[in-house]
């Protein structure tokens, strides 16, 4: 299936948002995830969010510094 990830069309065989992010080395505990218009806080359980063809997924990683 094709989804839009960070504004780019990508092919994936992942079934869930958690599986997709894991394959890309993204730790959901340290990221804000926006999927299909919904925003999920860091640490949210994304394993029940099924990916669907044409969906949009964006990840925002938190950083700290001084």
PDB file of N, CA and C in Angstrom:
ATOM      1  N   UNK A   1       0.839  -1.183   0.000  1.00  0.00           N
ATOM      2  CA  UNK A   1       0.000   0.000   0.000  1.00  0.00           C
ATOM      3  C   UNK A   1       0.873   1.232   0.000  1.00  0.00           C
ATOM      4  N   UNK A   2       0.298   2.334  -0.412  1.00  0.00           N
ATOM      5  CA  UNK A   2       0.995   3.623  -0.396  1.00  0.00           C
ATOM      6  C   UNK A   2       0.387   4.501   0.687  1.00  0.00           C
ATOM      7  N   UNK A   3       1.274   5.141   1.452  1.00  0.00           N
ATOM      8  CA  UNK A   3       0.838   6.142   2.419  1.00  0.00           C
ATOM      9  C   UNK A   3       1.697   7.390   2.208  1.00  0.00           C
ATOM     10  N   UNK A   4       1.286   8.461   2.815  1.00  0.00           N
ATOM     11  CA  UNK A   4       2.067   9.697   2.768  1.00  0.00           C
ATOM     12  C   UNK A   4       2.764   9.828   4.120  1.00  0.00           C
ATOM     13  N   UNK A   5       4.105   9.772   4.105  1.00  0.00           N
ATOM     14  CA  UNK A   5       4.901   9.855   5.324  1.00  0.00           C
ATOM     15  C   UNK A   5       5.812  11.068   5.239  1.00  0.00           C
ATOM     16  N   UNK A   6       5.647  11.985   6.184  1.00  0.00           N
ATOM     17  CA  UNK A   6       6.430  13.221   6.209  1.00  0.00           C
ATOM     18  C   UNK A   6       6.302  13.962   4.875  1.00  0.00           C
ATOM     19  N   UNK A   7       5.114  13.886   4.260  1.00  0.00           N
ATOM     20  CA  UNK A   7       4.860  14.608   3.020  1.00  0.00           C
ATOM     21  C   UNK A   7       5.277  13.884   1.759  1.00  0.00           C
ATOM     22  N   UNK A   8       5.871  12.700   1.891  1.00  0.00           N
ATOM     23  CA  UNK A   8       6.342  11.932   0.740  1.00  0.00           C
ATOM     24  C   UNK A   8       5.525  10.655   0.596  1.00  0.00           C
ATOM     25  N   UNK A   9       5.203  10.276  -0.625  1.00  0.00           N
ATOM     26  CA  UNK A   9       4.507   9.010  -0.880  1.00  0.00           C
ATOM     27  C   UNK A   9       5.510   7.869  -0.708  1.00  0.00           C
ATOM     28  N   UNK A  10       5.147   6.884   0.115  1.00  0.00           N
ATOM     29  CA  UNK A  10       6.006   5.722   0.333  1.00  0.00           C
ATOM     30  C   UNK A  10       5.181   4.440   0.249  1.00  0.00           C
ATOM     31  N   UNK A  11       5.828   3.372  -0.208  1.00  0.00           N
ATOM     32  CA  UNK A  11       5.202   2.053  -0.211  1.00  0.00           C
ATOM     33  C   UNK A  11       5.538   1.360   1.098  1.00  0.00           C
ATOM     34  N   UNK A  12       4.595   0.591   1.624  1.00  0.00           N
ATOM     35  CA  UNK A  12       4.846  -0.153   2.857  1.00  0.00           C
ATOM     36  C   UNK A  12       4.022  -1.433   2.881  1.00  0.00           C
ATOM     37  N   UNK A  13       4.531  -2.405   3.608  1.00  0.00           N
ATOM     38  CA  UNK A  13       3.776  -3.627   3.860  1.00  0.00           C
ATOM     39  C   UNK A  13       3.328  -3.680   5.316  1.00  0.00           C
ATOM     40  N   UNK A  14       3.686  -2.654   6.091  1.00  0.00           N
ATOM     41  CA  UNK A  14       3.302  -2.595   7.505  1.00  0.00           C
ATOM     42  C   UNK A  14       1.782  -2.570   7.635  1.00  0.00           C
ATOM     43  N   UNK A  15       1.298  -3.214   8.670  1.00  0.00           N
ATOM     44  CA  UNK A  15      -0.145  -3.264   8.925  1.00  0.00           C
ATOM     45  C   UNK A  15      -0.609  -2.212   9.925  1.00  0.00           C
ATOM     46  N   UNK A  16       0.304  -1.777  10.806  1.00  0.00           N
ATOM     47  CA  UNK A  16      -0.051  -0.788  11.828  1.00  0.00           C
ATOM     48  C   UNK A  16       0.939   0.364  11.831  1.00  0.00           C
ATOM     49  N   UNK A  17       0.541   1.451  12.461  1.00  0.00           N
ATOM     50  CA  UNK A  17       1.421   2.608  12.593  1.00  0.00           C
ATOM     51  C   UNK A  17       2.665   2.207  13.387  1.00  0.00           C
ATOM     52  N   UNK A  18       2.484   1.452  14.462  1.00  0.00           N
ATOM     53  CA  UNK A  18       3.628   1.027  15.277  1.00  0.00           C
ATOM     54  C   UNK A  18       4.620   0.206  14.463  1.00  0.00           C
ATOM     55  N   UNK A  19       4.129  -0.708  13.656  1.00  0.00           N
ATOM     56  CA  UNK A  19       4.998  -1.540  12.815  1.00  0.00           C
ATOM     57  C   UNK A  19       5.758  -0.680  11.801  1.00  0.00           C
ATOM     58  N   UNK A  20       5.067   0.271  11.197  1.00  0.00           N
ATOM     59  CA  UNK A  20       5.690   1.166  10.224  1.00  0.00           C
ATOM     60  C   UNK A  20       6.810   1.975  10.865  1.00  0.00           C
ATOM     61  N   UNK A  21       6.540   2.568  12.023  1.00  0.00           N
ATOM     62  CA  UNK A  21       7.537   3.390  12.694  1.00  0.00           C
ATOM     63  C   UNK A  21       8.733   2.558  13.155  1.00  0.00           C
ATOM     64  N   UNK A  22       8.476   1.370  13.658  1.00  0.00           N
ATOM     65  CA  UNK A  22       9.544   0.478  14.094  1.00  0.00           C
ATOM     66  C   UNK A  22      10.493   0.151  12.941  1.00  0.00           C
ATOM     67  N   UNK A  23       9.936  -0.094  11.768  1.00  0.00           N
ATOM     68  CA  UNK A  23      10.751  -0.405  10.595  1.00  0.00           C
ATOM     69  C   UNK A  23      11.648   0.764  10.204  1.00  0.00           C
ATOM     70  N   UNK A  24      11.277   1.973  10.616  1.00  0.00           N
ATOM     71  CA  UNK A  24      12.067   3.160  10.300  1.00  0.00           C
ATOM     72  C   UNK A  24      12.923   3.640  11.469  1.00  0.00           C
ATOM     73  N   UNK A  25      12.937   2.865  12.537  1.00  0.00           N
ATOM     74  CA  UNK A  25      13.768   3.213  13.679  1.00  0.00           C
ATOM     75  C   UNK A  25      13.244   4.356  14.517  1.00  0.00           C
ATOM     76  N   UNK A  26      11.951   4.632  14.419  1.00  0.00           N
ATOM     77  CA  UNK A  26      11.342   5.723  15.188  1.00  0.00           C
ATOM     78  C   UNK A  26      10.803   5.160  16.502  1.00  0.00           C
ATOM     79  N   UNK A  27      11.200   5.747  17.609  1.00  0.00           N
ATOM     80  CA  UNK A  27      10.708   5.353  18.924  1.00  0.00           C
ATOM     81  C   UNK A  27       9.497   6.210  19.274  1.00  0.00           C
ATOM     82  N   UNK A  28       8.291   5.614  19.262  1.00  0.00           N
ATOM     83  CA  UNK A  28       7.082   6.395  19.555  1.00  0.00           C
ATOM     84  C   UNK A  28       7.059   7.004  20.958  1.00  0.00           C
ATOM     85  N   UNK A  29       7.890   6.485  21.842  1.00  0.00           N
ATOM     86  CA  UNK A  29       7.959   7.045  23.196  1.00  0.00           C
ATOM     87  C   UNK A  29       8.607   8.420  23.197  1.00  0.00           C
ATOM     88  N   UNK A  30       9.299   8.748  22.096  1.00  0.00           N
ATOM     89  CA  UNK A  30      10.003  10.023  22.023  1.00  0.00           C
ATOM     90  C   UNK A  30       9.527  10.877  20.856  1.00  0.00           C
ATOM     91  N   UNK A  31       8.307  10.606  20.384  1.00  0.00           N
ATOM     92  CA  UNK A  31       7.817  11.329  19.212  1.00  0.00           C
ATOM     93  C   UNK A  31       6.326  11.634  19.337  1.00  0.00           C
ATOM     94  N   UNK A  32       5.942  12.728  18.727  1.00  0.00           N
ATOM     95  CA  UNK A  32       4.526  13.067  18.575  1.00  0.00           C
ATOM     96  C   UNK A  32       4.132  12.569  17.189  1.00  0.00           C
ATOM     97  N   UNK A  33       3.048  11.840  17.114  1.00  0.00           N
ATOM     98  CA  UNK A  33       2.627  11.244  15.855  1.00  0.00           C
ATOM     99  C   UNK A  33       1.276  11.818  15.443  1.00  0.00           C
ATOM    100  N   UNK A  34       1.191  12.237  14.193  1.00  0.00           N
ATOM    101  CA  UNK A  34      -0.084  12.687  13.640  1.00  0.00           C
ATOM    102  C   UNK A  34      -0.459  11.704  12.539  1.00  0.00           C
ATOM    103  N   UNK A  35      -1.599  11.051  12.718  1.00  0.00           N
ATOM    104  CA  UNK A  35      -2.058  10.052  11.759  1.00  0.00           C
ATOM    105  C   UNK A  35      -3.530  10.281  11.463  1.00  0.00           C
ATOM    106  N   UNK A  36      -3.835  10.421  10.197  1.00  0.00           N
ATOM    107  CA  UNK A  36      -5.219  10.587   9.743  1.00  0.00           C
ATOM    108  C   UNK A  36      -5.930  11.721  10.486  1.00  0.00           C
ATOM    109  N   UNK A  37      -5.203  12.811  10.729  1.00  0.00           N
ATOM    110  CA  UNK A  37      -5.810  13.979  11.355  1.00  0.00           C
ATOM    111  C   UNK A  37      -5.865  13.950  12.867  1.00  0.00           C
ATOM    112  N   UNK A  38      -5.413  12.865  13.486  1.00  0.00           N
ATOM    113  CA  UNK A  38      -5.396  12.751  14.945  1.00  0.00           C
ATOM    114  C   UNK A  38      -3.962  12.862  15.438  1.00  0.00           C
ATOM    115  N   UNK A  39      -3.775  13.506  16.584  1.00  0.00           N
ATOM    116  CA  UNK A  39      -2.450  13.664  17.165  1.00  0.00           C
ATOM    117  C   UNK A  39      -2.319  12.746  18.375  1.00  0.00           C
ATOM    118  N   UNK A  40      -1.190  12.022  18.426  1.00  0.00           N
ATOM    119  CA  UNK A  40      -0.924  11.070  19.506  1.00  0.00           C
ATOM    120  C   UNK A  40       0.321  11.507  20.261  1.00  0.00           C
ATOM    121  N   UNK A  41       0.205  11.581  21.569  1.00  0.00           N
ATOM    122  CA  UNK A  41       1.299  12.017  22.436  1.00  0.00           C
ATOM    123  C   UNK A  41       2.411  10.968  22.472  1.00  0.00           C
ATOM    124  N   UNK A  42       3.609  11.393  22.843  1.00  0.00           N
ATOM    125  CA  UNK A  42       4.696  10.430  23.003  1.00  0.00           C
ATOM    126  C   UNK A  42       4.282   9.306  23.957  1.00  0.00           C
ATOM    127  N   UNK A  43       4.608   8.081  23.576  1.00  0.00           N
ATOM    128  CA  UNK A  43       4.275   6.932  24.415  1.00  0.00           C
ATOM    129  C   UNK A  43       2.896   6.350  24.168  1.00  0.00           C
ATOM    130  N   UNK A  44       2.109   6.967  23.296  1.00  0.00           N
ATOM    131  CA  UNK A  44       0.764   6.430  22.994  1.00  0.00           C
ATOM    132  C   UNK A  44       0.890   5.048  22.364  1.00  0.00           C
ATOM    133  N   UNK A  45      -0.071   4.184  22.630  1.00  0.00           N
ATOM    134  CA  UNK A  45      -0.083   2.834  22.047  1.00  0.00           C
ATOM    135  C   UNK A  45      -0.563   2.938  20.606  1.00  0.00           C
ATOM    136  N   UNK A  46       0.344   2.746  19.665  1.00  0.00           N
ATOM    137  CA  UNK A  46       0.016   2.864  18.247  1.00  0.00           C
ATOM    138  C   UNK A  46      -0.177   1.504  17.588  1.00  0.00           C
ATOM    139  N   UNK A  47      -0.118   0.445  18.374  1.00  0.00           N
ATOM    140  CA  UNK A  47      -0.205  -0.908  17.823  1.00  0.00           C
ATOM    141  C   UNK A  47      -1.606  -1.258  17.315  1.00  0.00           C
ATOM    142  N   UNK A  48      -2.612  -0.532  17.759  1.00  0.00           N
ATOM    143  CA  UNK A  48      -3.980  -0.816  17.310  1.00  0.00           C
ATOM    144  C   UNK A  48      -4.401   0.073  16.141  1.00  0.00           C
ATOM    145  N   UNK A  49      -3.526   1.001  15.722  1.00  0.00           N
ATOM    146  CA  UNK A  49      -3.855   1.899  14.617  1.00  0.00           C
ATOM    147  C   UNK A  49      -3.477   1.251  13.295  1.00  0.00           C
ATOM    148  N   UNK A  50      -4.477   0.769  12.578  1.00  0.00           N
ATOM    149  CA  UNK A  50      -4.228   0.112  11.298  1.00  0.00           C
ATOM    150  C   UNK A  50      -3.908   1.141  10.220  1.00  0.00           C
ATOM    151  N   UNK A  51      -2.870   0.861   9.452  1.00  0.00           N
ATOM    152  CA  UNK A  51      -2.551   1.717   8.304  1.00  0.00           C
ATOM    153  C   UNK A  51      -3.543   1.421   7.187  1.00  0.00           C
ATOM    154  N   UNK A  52      -3.955   2.458   6.495  1.00  0.00           N
ATOM    155  CA  UNK A  52      -4.836   2.290   5.339  1.00  0.00           C
ATOM    156  C   UNK A  52      -4.224   3.000   4.141  1.00  0.00           C
ATOM    157  N   UNK A  53      -4.481   2.458   2.983  1.00  0.00           N
ATOM    158  CA  UNK A  53      -3.946   3.013   1.753  1.00  0.00           C
ATOM    159  C   UNK A  53      -4.334   4.481   1.619  1.00  0.00           C
ATOM    160  N   UNK A  54      -3.346   5.317   1.331  1.00  0.00           N
ATOM    161  CA  UNK A  54      -3.588   6.740   1.126  1.00  0.00           C
ATOM    162  C   UNK A  54      -3.560   7.581   2.383  1.00  0.00           C
ATOM    163  N   UNK A  55      -3.367   6.952   3.544  1.00  0.00           N
ATOM    164  CA  UNK A  55      -3.349   7.692   4.805  1.00  0.00           C
ATOM    165  C   UNK A  55      -2.117   8.591   4.896  1.00  0.00           C
ATOM    166  N   UNK A  56      -2.211   9.588   5.764  1.00  0.00           N
ATOM    167  CA  UNK A  56      -1.121  10.527   5.989  1.00  0.00           C
ATOM    168  C   UNK A  56      -0.570  10.332   7.394  1.00  0.00           C
ATOM    169  N   UNK A  57       0.762  10.263   7.495  1.00  0.00           N
ATOM    170  CA  UNK A  57       1.436  10.033   8.765  1.00  0.00           C
ATOM    171  C   UNK A  57       2.628  10.987   8.878  1.00  0.00           C
ATOM    172  N   UNK A  58       2.665  11.740   9.977  1.00  0.00           N
ATOM    173  CA  UNK A  58       3.783  12.646  10.229  1.00  0.00           C
ATOM    174  C   UNK A  58       4.301  12.403  11.633  1.00  0.00           C
ATOM    175  N   UNK A  59       5.609  12.519  11.782  1.00  0.00           N
ATOM    176  CA  UNK A  59       6.254  12.297  13.081  1.00  0.00           C
ATOM    177  C   UNK A  59       7.072  13.536  13.430  1.00  0.00           C
ATOM    178  N   UNK A  60       6.934  13.961  14.671  1.00  0.00           N
ATOM    179  CA  UNK A  60       7.667  15.114  15.173  1.00  0.00           C
ATOM    180  C   UNK A  60       8.466  14.645  16.378  1.00  0.00           C
ATOM    181  N   UNK A  61       9.785  14.673  16.268  1.00  0.00           N
ATOM    182  CA  UNK A  61      10.642  14.222  17.359  1.00  0.00           C
ATOM    183  C   UNK A  61      10.923  15.386  18.296  1.00  0.00           C
ATOM    184  N   UNK A  62      10.836  15.080  19.579  1.00  0.00           N
ATOM    185  CA  UNK A  62      11.111  16.094  20.585  1.00  0.00           C
ATOM    186  C   UNK A  62      12.612  16.210  20.783  1.00  0.00           C
ATOM    187  N   UNK A  63      13.061  17.420  20.920  1.00  0.00           N
ATOM    188  CA  UNK A  63      14.473  17.668  21.210  1.00  0.00           C
ATOM    189  C   UNK A  63      14.568  18.668  22.348  1.00  0.00           C
ATOM    190  N   UNK A  64      15.643  18.571  23.063  1.00  0.00           N
ATOM    191  CA  UNK A  64      15.883  19.510  24.168  1.00  0.00           C
ATOM    192  C   UNK A  64      17.296  20.045  24.009  1.00  0.00           C
ATOM    193  N   UNK A  65      17.488  21.192  24.476  1.00  0.00           N
ATOM    194  CA  UNK A  65      18.827  21.760  24.386  1.00  0.00           C
ATOM    195  C   UNK A  65      18.902  23.082  25.108  1.00  0.00           C
ATOM    196  N   UNK A  66      20.061  23.611  25.097  1.00  0.00           N
ATOM    197  CA  UNK A  66      20.197  24.852  25.827  1.00  0.00           C
ATOM    198  C   UNK A  66      21.134  25.797  25.204  1.00  0.00           C
TER     199      UNK A  66
END
